[in-house]
Amino acid sequence: VSMGGTSLLFTSIAFGIILSVSKDVEEYGSKKIIVGEIPAMG
């Protein structure tokens, strides 16, 4: 039971981390593109 519970807990945590990271990467990627193109043009 503890093995199954730990596995379920780990899966839930990992899934939450993946979602958080995905959102951060999308936001960071958009900002990086916007901020990165301005100096390149200059």
PDB file of N, CA and C in Angstrom:
ATOM      1  N   VAL A   1       0.849  -1.205   0.000  1.00  0.00           N
ATOM      2  CA  VAL A   1       0.000   0.000   0.000  1.00  0.00           C
ATOM      3  C   VAL A   1       0.879   1.249   0.000  1.00  0.00           C
ATOM      4  N   SER A   2       1.943   1.242   0.814  1.00  0.00           N
ATOM      5  CA  SER A   2       2.813   2.412   0.890  1.00  0.00           C
ATOM      6  C   SER A   2       3.505   2.638  -0.460  1.00  0.00           C
ATOM      7  N   MET A   3       3.852   1.541  -1.131  1.00  0.00           N
ATOM      8  CA  MET A   3       4.495   1.666  -2.437  1.00  0.00           C
ATOM      9  C   MET A   3       3.554   2.331  -3.431  1.00  0.00           C
ATOM     10  N   GLY A   4       2.311   1.856  -3.464  1.00  0.00           N
ATOM     11  CA  GLY A   4       1.331   2.422  -4.394  1.00  0.00           C
ATOM     12  C   GLY A   4       1.039   3.877  -4.053  1.00  0.00           C
ATOM     13  N   GLY A   5       0.918   4.170  -2.752  1.00  0.00           N
ATOM     14  CA  GLY A   5       0.643   5.544  -2.335  1.00  0.00           C
ATOM     15  C   GLY A   5       1.793   6.466  -2.689  1.00  0.00           C
ATOM     16  N   THR A   6       3.022   5.983  -2.476  1.00  0.00           N
ATOM     17  CA  THR A   6       4.194   6.795  -2.802  1.00  0.00           C
ATOM     18  C   THR A   6       4.261   7.039  -4.303  1.00  0.00           C
ATOM     19  N   SER A   7       3.964   6.005  -5.081  1.00  0.00           N
ATOM     20  CA  SER A   7       3.998   6.133  -6.534  1.00  0.00           C
ATOM     21  C   SER A   7       2.966   7.151  -6.998  1.00  0.00           C
ATOM     22  N   LEU A   8       1.763   7.063  -6.424  1.00  0.00           N
ATOM     23  CA  LEU A   8       0.690   7.987  -6.800  1.00  0.00           C
ATOM     24  C   LEU A   8       1.068   9.410  -6.407  1.00  0.00           C
ATOM     25  N   LEU A   9       1.630   9.563  -5.215  1.00  0.00           N
ATOM     26  CA  LEU A   9       2.036  10.884  -4.735  1.00  0.00           C
ATOM     27  C   LEU A   9       3.117  11.463  -5.640  1.00  0.00           C
ATOM     28  N   PHE A  10       4.119  10.646  -5.960  1.00  0.00           N
ATOM     29  CA  PHE A  10       5.215  11.103  -6.812  1.00  0.00           C
ATOM     30  C   PHE A  10       4.699  11.506  -8.193  1.00  0.00           C
ATOM     31  N   THR A  11       3.766  10.698  -8.735  1.00  0.00           N
ATOM     32  CA  THR A  11       3.196  10.999 -10.049  1.00  0.00           C
ATOM     33  C   THR A  11       2.460  12.327 -10.022  1.00  0.00           C
ATOM     34  N   SER A  12       1.695  12.557  -8.956  1.00  0.00           N
ATOM     35  CA  SER A  12       0.941  13.809  -8.838  1.00  0.00           C
ATOM     36  C   SER A  12       1.892  14.996  -8.748  1.00  0.00           C
ATOM     37  N   ILE A  13       2.945  14.859  -7.933  1.00  0.00           N
ATOM     38  CA  ILE A  13       3.925  15.941  -7.781  1.00  0.00           C
ATOM     39  C   ILE A  13       4.634  16.198  -9.110  1.00  0.00           C
ATOM     40  N   ALA A  14       5.067  15.128  -9.763  1.00  0.00           N
ATOM     41  CA  ALA A  14       5.773  15.269 -11.029  1.00  0.00           C
ATOM     42  C   ALA A  14       4.878  15.937 -12.067  1.00  0.00           C
ATOM     43  N   PHE A  15       3.602  15.542 -12.102  1.00  0.00           N
ATOM     44  CA  PHE A  15       2.663  16.117 -13.066  1.00  0.00           C
ATOM     45  C   PHE A  15       2.484  17.608 -12.797  1.00  0.00           C
ATOM     46  N   GLY A  16       2.388  17.973 -11.520  1.00  0.00           N
ATOM     47  CA  GLY A  16       2.233  19.383 -11.148  1.00  0.00           C
ATOM     48  C   GLY A  16       3.465  20.183 -11.534  1.00  0.00           C
ATOM     49  N   ILE A  17       4.649  19.609 -11.307  1.00  0.00           N
ATOM     50  CA  ILE A  17       5.898  20.290 -11.654  1.00  0.00           C
ATOM     51  C   ILE A  17       5.974  20.499 -13.163  1.00  0.00           C
ATOM     52  N   ILE A  18       5.609  19.477 -13.930  1.00  0.00           N
ATOM     53  CA  ILE A  18       5.658  19.570 -15.389  1.00  0.00           C
ATOM     54  C   ILE A  18       4.749  20.692 -15.876  1.00  0.00           C
ATOM     55  N   LEU A  19       3.538  20.776 -15.316  1.00  0.00           N
ATOM     56  CA  LEU A  19       2.609  21.830 -15.725  1.00  0.00           C
ATOM     57  C   LEU A  19       3.182  23.198 -15.375  1.00  0.00           C
ATOM     58  N   SER A  20       3.752  23.333 -14.180  1.00  0.00           N
ATOM     59  CA  SER A  20       4.319  24.610 -13.749  1.00  0.00           C
ATOM     60  C   SER A  20       5.479  25.003 -14.654  1.00  0.00           C
ATOM     61  N   VAL A  21       6.354  24.052 -14.934  1.00  0.00           N
ATOM     62  CA  VAL A  21       7.511  24.330 -15.778  1.00  0.00           C
ATOM     63  C   VAL A  21       7.065  24.697 -17.188  1.00  0.00           C
ATOM     64  N   SER A  22       6.066  23.998 -17.712  1.00  0.00           N
ATOM     65  CA  SER A  22       5.577  24.281 -19.059  1.00  0.00           C
ATOM     66  C   SER A  22       5.071  25.713 -19.148  1.00  0.00           C
ATOM     67  N   LYS A  23       4.323  26.154 -18.141  1.00  0.00           N
ATOM     68  CA  LYS A  23       3.805  27.527 -18.142  1.00  0.00           C
ATOM     69  C   LYS A  23       4.953  28.523 -18.055  1.00  0.00           C
ATOM     70  N   ASP A  24       5.936  28.242 -17.183  1.00  0.00           N
ATOM     71  CA  ASP A  24       7.074  29.142 -17.027  1.00  0.00           C
ATOM     72  C   ASP A  24       7.879  29.212 -18.324  1.00  0.00           C
ATOM     73  N   VAL A  25       8.073  28.083 -18.980  1.00  0.00           N
ATOM     74  CA  VAL A  25       8.851  28.048 -20.216  1.00  0.00           C
ATOM     75  C   VAL A  25       8.153  28.855 -21.301  1.00  0.00           C
ATOM     76  N   GLU A  26       6.833  28.732 -21.409  1.00  0.00           N
ATOM     77  CA  GLU A  26       6.090  29.484 -22.422  1.00  0.00           C
ATOM     78  C   GLU A  26       6.208  30.982 -22.168  1.00  0.00           C
ATOM     79  N   GLU A  27       6.045  31.392 -20.909  1.00  0.00           N
ATOM     80  CA  GLU A  27       6.138  32.814 -20.573  1.00  0.00           C
ATOM     81  C   GLU A  27       7.563  33.316 -20.794  1.00  0.00           C
ATOM     82  N   TYR A  28       8.548  32.538 -20.353  1.00  0.00           N
ATOM     83  CA  TYR A  28       9.949  32.930 -20.502  1.00  0.00           C
ATOM     84  C   TYR A  28      10.324  32.988 -21.982  1.00  0.00           C
ATOM     85  N   GLY A  29       9.819  32.031 -22.754  1.00  0.00           N
ATOM     86  CA  GLY A  29      10.128  31.995 -24.174  1.00  0.00           C
ATOM     87  C   GLY A  29       9.589  33.225 -24.886  1.00  0.00           C
ATOM     88  N   SER A  30       8.374  33.637 -24.559  1.00  0.00           N
ATOM     89  CA  SER A  30       7.776  34.814 -25.182  1.00  0.00           C
ATOM     90  C   SER A  30       8.568  36.060 -24.819  1.00  0.00           C
ATOM     91  N   LYS A  31       8.920  36.181 -23.533  1.00  0.00           N
ATOM     92  CA  LYS A  31       9.680  37.348 -23.085  1.00  0.00           C
ATOM     93  C   LYS A  31      11.066  37.349 -23.725  1.00  0.00           C
ATOM     94  N   LYS A  32      11.674  36.177 -23.819  1.00  0.00           N
ATOM     95  CA  LYS A  32      13.021  36.079 -24.373  1.00  0.00           C
ATOM     96  C   LYS A  32      13.028  36.510 -25.840  1.00  0.00           C
ATOM     97  N   ILE A  33      12.007  36.118 -26.592  1.00  0.00           N
ATOM     98  CA  ILE A  33      11.920  36.472 -28.011  1.00  0.00           C
ATOM     99  C   ILE A  33      11.746  37.984 -28.153  1.00  0.00           C
ATOM    100  N   ILE A  34      10.821  38.549 -27.366  1.00  0.00           N
ATOM    101  CA  ILE A  34      10.552  39.987 -27.447  1.00  0.00           C
ATOM    102  C   ILE A  34      11.789  40.783 -27.036  1.00  0.00           C
ATOM    103  N   VAL A  35      12.385  40.405 -25.904  1.00  0.00           N
ATOM    104  CA  VAL A  35      13.557  41.124 -25.395  1.00  0.00           C
ATOM    105  C   VAL A  35      14.772  40.863 -26.277  1.00  0.00           C
ATOM    106  N   GLY A  36      14.872  39.666 -26.822  1.00  0.00           N
ATOM    107  CA  GLY A  36      16.037  39.297 -27.614  1.00  0.00           C
ATOM    108  C   GLY A  36      16.076  39.945 -28.990  1.00  0.00           C
ATOM    109  N   GLU A  37      14.921  40.233 -29.583  1.00  0.00           N
ATOM    110  CA  GLU A  37      14.907  40.803 -30.929  1.00  0.00           C
ATOM    111  C   GLU A  37      15.265  42.284 -30.931  1.00  0.00           C
ATOM    112  N   ILE A  38      14.919  42.997 -29.872  1.00  0.00           N
ATOM    113  CA  ILE A  38      15.173  44.446 -29.834  1.00  0.00           C
ATOM    114  C   ILE A  38      16.672  44.765 -29.902  1.00  0.00           C
ATOM    115  N   PRO A  39      17.514  44.160 -29.048  1.00  0.00           N
ATOM    116  CA  PRO A  39      18.951  44.433 -29.156  1.00  0.00           C
ATOM    117  C   PRO A  39      19.526  43.947 -30.487  1.00  0.00           C
ATOM    118  N   ALA A  40      18.983  42.885 -31.029  1.00  0.00           N
ATOM    119  CA  ALA A  40      19.479  42.342 -32.295  1.00  0.00           C
ATOM    120  C   ALA A  40      19.254  43.354 -33.414  1.00  0.00           C
ATOM    121  N   MET A  41      18.104  44.023 -33.393  1.00  0.00           N
ATOM    122  CA  MET A  41      17.799  45.025 -34.416  1.00  0.00           C
ATOM    123  C   MET A  41      18.693  46.251 -34.226  1.00  0.00           C
ATOM    124  N   GLY A  42      18.964  46.593 -32.965  1.00  0.00           N
ATOM    125  CA  GLY A  42      19.772  47.776 -32.678  1.00  0.00           C
ATOM    126  C   GLY A  42      21.215  47.529 -33.073  1.00  0.00           C
TER     127      GLY A  42
END
